């Protein structure tokens, strides 16, 4: 569960910090939320 918890959020988080790639579709956002 720790691997999944960090992997659901951290890669996108790092993309925002490094590449300013904060774009996400509504479906992807809801999937990440769930």
ModelCIF file with pLDDT and N, C-alpha, C, O atoms, coordinates in Angstrom:
data_MODEL
#
_entry.id   MODEL 
#
_entity.id                         1 
_entity.type                       polymer 
_entity.pdbx_number_of_molecules   1 
#
_entity_poly.entity_id                      1 
_entity_poly.type                           'polypeptide(L)' 
_entity_poly.nstd_linkage                   no 
_entity_poly.nstd_monomer                   no 
_entity_poly.pdbx_seq_one_letter_code       
;(UNK)(UNK)(UNK)(UNK)(UNK)(UNK)(UNK)(UNK)(UNK)(UNK)(UNK)(UNK)(UNK)(UNK)(UNK)(UNK)
(UNK)(UNK)(UNK)(UNK)(UNK)(UNK)(UNK)(UNK)(UNK)(UNK)(UNK)(UNK)(UNK)(UNK)(UNK)(UNK)
(UNK)(UNK)
;
_entity_poly.pdbx_seq_one_letter_code_can   XXXXXXXXXXXXXXXXXXXXXXXXXXXXXXXXXX 
_entity_poly.pdbx_strand_id                 A 
#
loop_
_entity_poly_seq.entity_id 
_entity_poly_seq.num 
_entity_poly_seq.mon_id 
_entity_poly_seq.hetero 
1 1  UNK n 
1 2  UNK n 
1 3  UNK n 
1 4  UNK n 
1 5  UNK n 
1 6  UNK n 
1 7  UNK n 
1 8  UNK n 
1 9  UNK n 
1 10 UNK n 
1 11 UNK n 
1 12 UNK n 
1 13 UNK n 
1 14 UNK n 
1 15 UNK n 
1 16 UNK n 
1 17 UNK n 
1 18 UNK n 
1 19 UNK n 
1 20 UNK n 
1 21 UNK n 
1 22 UNK n 
1 23 UNK n 
1 24 UNK n 
1 25 UNK n 
1 26 UNK n 
1 27 UNK n 
1 28 UNK n 
1 29 UNK n 
1 30 UNK n 
1 31 UNK n 
1 32 UNK n 
1 33 UNK n 
1 34 UNK n 
#
_struct_asym.id          A 
_struct_asym.entity_id   1 
#
loop_
_ma_qa_metric.id 
_ma_qa_metric.mode 
_ma_qa_metric.name 
_ma_qa_metric.software_group_id 
_ma_qa_metric.type 
1 global pLDDT . pLDDT 
2 local  pLDDT . pLDDT 
#
_ma_qa_metric_global.metric_id      1 
_ma_qa_metric_global.metric_value   91.68 
_ma_qa_metric_global.model_id       1 
_ma_qa_metric_global.ordinal_id     1 
#
loop_
_ma_qa_metric_local.label_asym_id 
_ma_qa_metric_local.label_comp_id 
_ma_qa_metric_local.label_seq_id 
_ma_qa_metric_local.metric_id 
_ma_qa_metric_local.metric_value 
_ma_qa_metric_local.model_id 
_ma_qa_metric_local.ordinal_id 
A UNK 1  2 95.00 1 1  
A UNK 2  2 95.00 1 2  
A UNK 3  2 96.00 1 3  
A UNK 4  2 95.00 1 4  
A UNK 5  2 94.00 1 5  
A UNK 6  2 93.00 1 6  
A UNK 7  2 95.00 1 7  
A UNK 8  2 94.00 1 8  
A UNK 9  2 93.00 1 9  
A UNK 10 2 93.00 1 10 
A UNK 11 2 94.00 1 11 
A UNK 12 2 92.00 1 12 
A UNK 13 2 92.00 1 13 
A UNK 14 2 93.00 1 14 
A UNK 15 2 92.00 1 15 
A UNK 16 2 91.00 1 16 
A UNK 17 2 91.00 1 17 
A UNK 18 2 92.00 1 18 
A UNK 19 2 88.00 1 19 
A UNK 20 2 86.00 1 20 
A UNK 21 2 86.00 1 21 
A UNK 22 2 83.00 1 22 
A UNK 23 2 88.00 1 23 
A UNK 24 2 89.00 1 24 
A UNK 25 2 89.00 1 25 
A UNK 26 2 89.00 1 26 
A UNK 27 2 90.00 1 27 
A UNK 28 2 91.00 1 28 
A UNK 29 2 91.00 1 29 
A UNK 30 2 92.00 1 30 
A UNK 31 2 93.00 1 31 
A UNK 32 2 94.00 1 32 
A UNK 33 2 93.00 1 33 
A UNK 34 2 95.00 1 34 
#
loop_
_atom_site.group_PDB 
_atom_site.id 
_atom_site.type_symbol 
_atom_site.label_atom_id 
_atom_site.label_alt_id 
_atom_site.label_comp_id 
_atom_site.label_asym_id 
_atom_site.label_entity_id 
_atom_site.label_seq_id 
_atom_site.pdbx_PDB_ins_code 
_atom_site.Cartn_x 
_atom_site.Cartn_y 
_atom_site.Cartn_z 
_atom_site.occupancy 
_atom_site.B_iso_or_equiv 
_atom_site.pdbx_formal_charge 
_atom_site.auth_seq_id 
_atom_site.auth_comp_id 
_atom_site.auth_asym_id 
_atom_site.auth_atom_id 
_atom_site.pdbx_PDB_model_num 
ATOM 1   N N  . UNK A 1 1  ? 0.835   -1.210 0.000   1.00 95.00 ? 1  UNK A N  1 
ATOM 2   C CA . UNK A 1 1  ? 0.000   0.000  0.000   1.00 95.00 ? 1  UNK A CA 1 
ATOM 3   C C  . UNK A 1 1  ? 0.865   1.254  0.000   1.00 95.00 ? 1  UNK A C  1 
ATOM 4   O O  . UNK A 1 1  ? 0.485   2.264  -0.592  1.00 95.00 ? 1  UNK A O  1 
ATOM 5   N N  . UNK A 1 2  ? 2.028   1.204  0.658   1.00 95.00 ? 2  UNK A N  1 
ATOM 6   C CA . UNK A 1 2  ? 2.942   2.354  0.655   1.00 95.00 ? 2  UNK A CA 1 
ATOM 7   C C  . UNK A 1 2  ? 3.488   2.624  -0.745  1.00 95.00 ? 2  UNK A C  1 
ATOM 8   O O  . UNK A 1 2  ? 3.591   3.776  -1.165  1.00 95.00 ? 2  UNK A O  1 
ATOM 9   N N  . UNK A 1 3  ? 3.838   1.559  -1.464  1.00 96.00 ? 3  UNK A N  1 
ATOM 10  C CA . UNK A 1 3  ? 4.323   1.716  -2.848  1.00 96.00 ? 3  UNK A CA 1 
ATOM 11  C C  . UNK A 1 3  ? 3.238   2.357  -3.708  1.00 96.00 ? 3  UNK A C  1 
ATOM 12  O O  . UNK A 1 3  ? 3.514   3.273  -4.484  1.00 96.00 ? 3  UNK A O  1 
ATOM 13  N N  . UNK A 1 4  ? 2.012   1.876  -3.570  1.00 95.00 ? 4  UNK A N  1 
ATOM 14  C CA . UNK A 1 4  ? 0.910   2.396  -4.375  1.00 95.00 ? 4  UNK A CA 1 
ATOM 15  C C  . UNK A 1 4  ? 0.569   3.841  -3.994  1.00 95.00 ? 4  UNK A C  1 
ATOM 16  O O  . UNK A 1 4  ? 0.319   4.674  -4.865  1.00 95.00 ? 4  UNK A O  1 
ATOM 17  N N  . UNK A 1 5  ? 0.560   4.135  -2.686  1.00 94.00 ? 5  UNK A N  1 
ATOM 18  C CA . UNK A 1 5  ? 0.219   5.486  -2.220  1.00 94.00 ? 5  UNK A CA 1 
ATOM 19  C C  . UNK A 1 5  ? 1.187   6.529  -2.775  1.00 94.00 ? 5  UNK A C  1 
ATOM 20  O O  . UNK A 1 5  ? 0.770   7.587  -3.244  1.00 94.00 ? 5  UNK A O  1 
ATOM 21  N N  . UNK A 1 6  ? 2.475   6.222  -2.718  1.00 93.00 ? 6  UNK A N  1 
ATOM 22  C CA . UNK A 1 6  ? 3.472   7.181  -3.209  1.00 93.00 ? 6  UNK A CA 1 
ATOM 23  C C  . UNK A 1 6  ? 3.482   7.253  -4.737  1.00 93.00 ? 6  UNK A C  1 
ATOM 24  O O  . UNK A 1 6  ? 3.720   8.321  -5.302  1.00 93.00 ? 6  UNK A O  1 
ATOM 25  N N  . UNK A 1 7  ? 3.227   6.133  -5.409  1.00 95.00 ? 7  UNK A N  1 
ATOM 26  C CA . UNK A 1 7  ? 3.291   6.103  -6.875  1.00 95.00 ? 7  UNK A CA 1 
ATOM 27  C C  . UNK A 1 7  ? 2.084   6.770  -7.521  1.00 95.00 ? 7  UNK A C  1 
ATOM 28  O O  . UNK A 1 7  ? 2.191   7.301  -8.627  1.00 95.00 ? 7  UNK A O  1 
ATOM 29  N N  . UNK A 1 8  ? 0.945   6.752  -6.853  1.00 94.00 ? 8  UNK A N  1 
ATOM 30  C CA . UNK A 1 8  ? -0.248  7.405  -7.390  1.00 94.00 ? 8  UNK A CA 1 
ATOM 31  C C  . UNK A 1 8  ? -0.044  8.920  -7.503  1.00 94.00 ? 8  UNK A C  1 
ATOM 32  O O  . UNK A 1 8  ? -0.626  9.558  -8.382  1.00 94.00 ? 8  UNK A O  1 
ATOM 33  N N  . UNK A 1 9  ? 0.767   9.492  -6.631  1.00 93.00 ? 9  UNK A N  1 
ATOM 34  C CA . UNK A 1 9  ? 0.880   10.954 -6.560  1.00 93.00 ? 9  UNK A CA 1 
ATOM 35  C C  . UNK A 1 9  ? 2.247   11.515 -6.953  1.00 93.00 ? 9  UNK A C  1 
ATOM 36  O O  . UNK A 1 9  ? 2.318   12.544 -7.625  1.00 93.00 ? 9  UNK A O  1 
ATOM 37  N N  . UNK A 1 10 ? 3.330   10.853 -6.545  1.00 93.00 ? 10 UNK A N  1 
ATOM 38  C CA . UNK A 1 10 ? 4.656   11.471 -6.642  1.00 93.00 ? 10 UNK A CA 1 
ATOM 39  C C  . UNK A 1 10 ? 5.152   11.703 -8.063  1.00 93.00 ? 10 UNK A C  1 
ATOM 40  O O  . UNK A 1 10 ? 5.690   12.781 -8.318  1.00 93.00 ? 10 UNK A O  1 
ATOM 41  N N  . UNK A 1 11 ? 5.012   10.767 -9.015  1.00 94.00 ? 11 UNK A N  1 
ATOM 42  C CA . UNK A 1 11 ? 5.503   11.046 -10.375 1.00 94.00 ? 11 UNK A CA 1 
ATOM 43  C C  . UNK A 1 11 ? 4.899   12.318 -10.984 1.00 94.00 ? 11 UNK A C  1 
ATOM 44  O O  . UNK A 1 11 ? 5.620   13.116 -11.583 1.00 94.00 ? 11 UNK A O  1 
ATOM 45  N N  . UNK A 1 12 ? 3.594   12.510 -10.838 1.00 92.00 ? 12 UNK A N  1 
ATOM 46  C CA . UNK A 1 12 ? 2.958   13.720 -11.368 1.00 92.00 ? 12 UNK A CA 1 
ATOM 47  C C  . UNK A 1 12 ? 3.442   14.948 -10.603 1.00 92.00 ? 12 UNK A C  1 
ATOM 48  O O  . UNK A 1 12 ? 3.650   16.010 -11.189 1.00 92.00 ? 12 UNK A O  1 
ATOM 49  N N  . UNK A 1 13 ? 3.617   14.797 -9.298  1.00 92.00 ? 13 UNK A N  1 
ATOM 50  C CA . UNK A 1 13 ? 4.113   15.888 -8.478  1.00 92.00 ? 13 UNK A CA 1 
ATOM 51  C C  . UNK A 1 13 ? 5.487   16.357 -8.969  1.00 92.00 ? 13 UNK A C  1 
ATOM 52  O O  . UNK A 1 13 ? 5.736   17.557 -9.084  1.00 92.00 ? 13 UNK A O  1 
ATOM 53  N N  . UNK A 1 14 ? 6.364   15.409 -9.253  1.00 93.00 ? 14 UNK A N  1 
ATOM 54  C CA . UNK A 1 14 ? 7.706   15.739 -9.738  1.00 93.00 ? 14 UNK A CA 1 
ATOM 55  C C  . UNK A 1 14 ? 7.653   16.355 -11.138 1.00 93.00 ? 14 UNK A C  1 
ATOM 56  O O  . UNK A 1 14 ? 8.460   17.223 -11.471 1.00 93.00 ? 14 UNK A O  1 
ATOM 57  N N  . UNK A 1 15 ? 6.697   15.901 -11.954 1.00 92.00 ? 15 UNK A N  1 
ATOM 58  C CA . UNK A 1 15 ? 6.527   16.492 -13.292 1.00 92.00 ? 15 UNK A CA 1 
ATOM 59  C C  . UNK A 1 15 ? 6.140   17.966 -13.178 1.00 92.00 ? 15 UNK A C  1 
ATOM 60  O O  . UNK A 1 15 ? 6.585   18.791 -13.976 1.00 92.00 ? 15 UNK A O  1 
ATOM 61  N N  . UNK A 1 16 ? 5.317   18.291 -12.194 1.00 91.00 ? 16 UNK A N  1 
ATOM 62  C CA . UNK A 1 16 ? 4.931   19.695 -11.955 1.00 91.00 ? 16 UNK A CA 1 
ATOM 63  C C  . UNK A 1 16 ? 6.139   20.500 -11.510 1.00 91.00 ? 16 UNK A C  1 
ATOM 64  O O  . UNK A 1 16 ? 6.372   21.602 -12.008 1.00 91.00 ? 16 UNK A O  1 
ATOM 65  N N  . UNK A 1 17 ? 6.918   19.952 -10.564 1.00 91.00 ? 17 UNK A N  1 
ATOM 66  C CA . UNK A 1 17 ? 8.055   20.673 -10.005 1.00 91.00 ? 17 UNK A CA 1 
ATOM 67  C C  . UNK A 1 17 ? 9.178   20.868 -11.017 1.00 91.00 ? 17 UNK A C  1 
ATOM 68  O O  . UNK A 1 17 ? 9.809   21.924 -11.054 1.00 91.00 ? 17 UNK A O  1 
ATOM 69  N N  . UNK A 1 18 ? 9.426   19.844 -11.843 1.00 92.00 ? 18 UNK A N  1 
ATOM 70  C CA . UNK A 1 18 ? 10.566  19.888 -12.763 1.00 92.00 ? 18 UNK A CA 1 
ATOM 71  C C  . UNK A 1 18 ? 10.224  20.450 -14.137 1.00 92.00 ? 18 UNK A C  1 
ATOM 72  O O  . UNK A 1 18 ? 11.000  21.210 -14.716 1.00 92.00 ? 18 UNK A O  1 
ATOM 73  N N  . UNK A 1 19 ? 9.060   20.071 -14.653 1.00 88.00 ? 19 UNK A N  1 
ATOM 74  C CA . UNK A 1 19 ? 8.716   20.392 -16.043 1.00 88.00 ? 19 UNK A CA 1 
ATOM 75  C C  . UNK A 1 19 ? 7.544   21.360 -16.165 1.00 88.00 ? 19 UNK A C  1 
ATOM 76  O O  . UNK A 1 19 ? 7.128   21.693 -17.275 1.00 88.00 ? 19 UNK A O  1 
ATOM 77  N N  . UNK A 1 20 ? 7.009   21.812 -15.032 1.00 86.00 ? 20 UNK A N  1 
ATOM 78  C CA . UNK A 1 20 ? 5.795   22.642 -15.025 1.00 86.00 ? 20 UNK A CA 1 
ATOM 79  C C  . UNK A 1 20 ? 4.671   21.961 -15.810 1.00 86.00 ? 20 UNK A C  1 
ATOM 80  O O  . UNK A 1 20 ? 3.851   22.622 -16.446 1.00 86.00 ? 20 UNK A O  1 
ATOM 81  N N  . UNK A 1 21 ? 4.652   20.637 -15.753 1.00 86.00 ? 21 UNK A N  1 
ATOM 82  C CA . UNK A 1 21 ? 3.644   19.849 -16.466 1.00 86.00 ? 21 UNK A CA 1 
ATOM 83  C C  . UNK A 1 21 ? 2.490   19.526 -15.519 1.00 86.00 ? 21 UNK A C  1 
ATOM 84  O O  . UNK A 1 21 ? 2.360   18.405 -15.029 1.00 86.00 ? 21 UNK A O  1 
ATOM 85  N N  . UNK A 1 22 ? 1.660   20.535 -15.277 1.00 83.00 ? 22 UNK A N  1 
ATOM 86  C CA . UNK A 1 22 ? 0.549   20.355 -14.343 1.00 83.00 ? 22 UNK A CA 1 
ATOM 87  C C  . UNK A 1 22 ? -0.757  19.996 -15.010 1.00 83.00 ? 22 UNK A C  1 
ATOM 88  O O  . UNK A 1 22 ? -1.776  19.862 -14.333 1.00 83.00 ? 22 UNK A O  1 
ATOM 89  N N  . UNK A 1 23 ? -0.751  19.837 -16.335 1.00 88.00 ? 23 UNK A N  1 
ATOM 90  C CA . UNK A 1 23 ? -1.980  19.537 -17.052 1.00 88.00 ? 23 UNK A CA 1 
ATOM 91  C C  . UNK A 1 23 ? -2.497  18.137 -16.764 1.00 88.00 ? 23 UNK A C  1 
ATOM 92  O O  . UNK A 1 23 ? -1.732  17.173 -16.713 1.00 88.00 ? 23 UNK A O  1 
ATOM 93  N N  . UNK A 1 24 ? -3.817  18.041 -16.575 1.00 89.00 ? 24 UNK A N  1 
ATOM 94  C CA . UNK A 1 24 ? -4.432  16.734 -16.317 1.00 89.00 ? 24 UNK A CA 1 
ATOM 95  C C  . UNK A 1 24 ? -5.894  16.787 -16.752 1.00 89.00 ? 24 UNK A C  1 
ATOM 96  O O  . UNK A 1 24 ? -6.567  17.797 -16.547 1.00 89.00 ? 24 UNK A O  1 
ATOM 97  N N  . UNK A 1 25 ? -6.382  15.714 -17.346 1.00 89.00 ? 25 UNK A N  1 
ATOM 98  C CA . UNK A 1 25 ? -7.790  15.663 -17.766 1.00 89.00 ? 25 UNK A CA 1 
ATOM 99  C C  . UNK A 1 25 ? -8.676  15.425 -16.545 1.00 89.00 ? 25 UNK A C  1 
ATOM 100 O O  . UNK A 1 25 ? -8.210  14.982 -15.496 1.00 89.00 ? 25 UNK A O  1 
ATOM 101 N N  . UNK A 1 26 ? -9.958  15.729 -16.707 1.00 89.00 ? 26 UNK A N  1 
ATOM 102 C CA . UNK A 1 26 ? -10.895 15.540 -15.596 1.00 89.00 ? 26 UNK A CA 1 
ATOM 103 C C  . UNK A 1 26 ? -10.962 14.064 -15.190 1.00 89.00 ? 26 UNK A C  1 
ATOM 104 O O  . UNK A 1 26 ? -10.964 13.748 -14.000 1.00 89.00 ? 26 UNK A O  1 
ATOM 105 N N  . UNK A 1 27 ? -11.015 13.168 -16.169 1.00 90.00 ? 27 UNK A N  1 
ATOM 106 C CA . UNK A 1 27 ? -11.096 11.729 -15.878 1.00 90.00 ? 27 UNK A CA 1 
ATOM 107 C C  . UNK A 1 27 ? -9.851  11.258 -15.131 1.00 90.00 ? 27 UNK A C  1 
ATOM 108 O O  . UNK A 1 27 ? -9.953  10.501 -14.166 1.00 90.00 ? 27 UNK A O  1 
ATOM 109 N N  . UNK A 1 28 ? -8.679  11.704 -15.575 1.00 91.00 ? 28 UNK A N  1 
ATOM 110 C CA . UNK A 1 28 ? -7.425  11.315 -14.909 1.00 91.00 ? 28 UNK A CA 1 
ATOM 111 C C  . UNK A 1 28 ? -7.371  11.875 -13.495 1.00 91.00 ? 28 UNK A C  1 
ATOM 112 O O  . UNK A 1 28 ? -6.884  11.219 -12.574 1.00 91.00 ? 28 UNK A O  1 
ATOM 113 N N  . UNK A 1 29 ? -7.876  13.089 -13.334 1.00 91.00 ? 29 UNK A N  1 
ATOM 114 C CA . UNK A 1 29 ? -7.880  13.722 -12.009 1.00 91.00 ? 29 UNK A CA 1 
ATOM 115 C C  . UNK A 1 29 ? -8.780  12.955 -11.042 1.00 91.00 ? 29 UNK A C  1 
ATOM 116 O O  . UNK A 1 29 ? -8.408  12.704 -9.896  1.00 91.00 ? 29 UNK A O  1 
ATOM 117 N N  . UNK A 1 30 ? -9.970  12.587 -11.521 1.00 92.00 ? 30 UNK A N  1 
ATOM 118 C CA . UNK A 1 30 ? -10.903 11.820 -10.684 1.00 92.00 ? 30 UNK A CA 1 
ATOM 119 C C  . UNK A 1 30 ? -10.328 10.439 -10.372 1.00 92.00 ? 30 UNK A C  1 
ATOM 120 O O  . UNK A 1 30 ? -10.502 9.928  -9.266  1.00 92.00 ? 30 UNK A O  1 
ATOM 121 N N  . UNK A 1 31 ? -9.647  9.839  -11.339 1.00 93.00 ? 31 UNK A N  1 
ATOM 122 C CA . UNK A 1 31 ? -9.026  8.520  -11.117 1.00 93.00 ? 31 UNK A CA 1 
ATOM 123 C C  . UNK A 1 31 ? -7.953  8.614  -10.044 1.00 93.00 ? 31 UNK A C  1 
ATOM 124 O O  . UNK A 1 31 ? -7.876  7.767  -9.154  1.00 93.00 ? 31 UNK A O  1 
ATOM 125 N N  . UNK A 1 32 ? -7.121  9.654  -10.133 1.00 94.00 ? 32 UNK A N  1 
ATOM 126 C CA . UNK A 1 32 ? -6.086  9.848  -9.111  1.00 94.00 ? 32 UNK A CA 1 
ATOM 127 C C  . UNK A 1 32 ? -6.712  10.065 -7.741  1.00 94.00 ? 32 UNK A C  1 
ATOM 128 O O  . UNK A 1 32 ? -6.247  9.520  -6.740  1.00 94.00 ? 32 UNK A O  1 
ATOM 129 N N  . UNK A 1 33 ? -7.785  10.876 -7.707  1.00 93.00 ? 33 UNK A N  1 
ATOM 130 C CA . UNK A 1 33 ? -8.497  11.124 -6.448  1.00 93.00 ? 33 UNK A CA 1 
ATOM 131 C C  . UNK A 1 33 ? -9.000  9.818  -5.836  1.00 93.00 ? 33 UNK A C  1 
ATOM 132 O O  . UNK A 1 33 ? -8.808  9.566  -4.647  1.00 93.00 ? 33 UNK A O  1 
ATOM 133 N N  . UNK A 1 34 ? -9.649  8.987  -6.666  1.00 95.00 ? 34 UNK A N  1 
ATOM 134 C CA . UNK A 1 34 ? -10.210 7.733  -6.156  1.00 95.00 ? 34 UNK A CA 1 
ATOM 135 C C  . UNK A 1 34 ? -9.121  6.831  -5.586  1.00 95.00 ? 34 UNK A C  1 
ATOM 136 O O  . UNK A 1 34 ? -9.414  5.733  -5.113  1.00 95.00 ? 34 UNK A O  1 
#
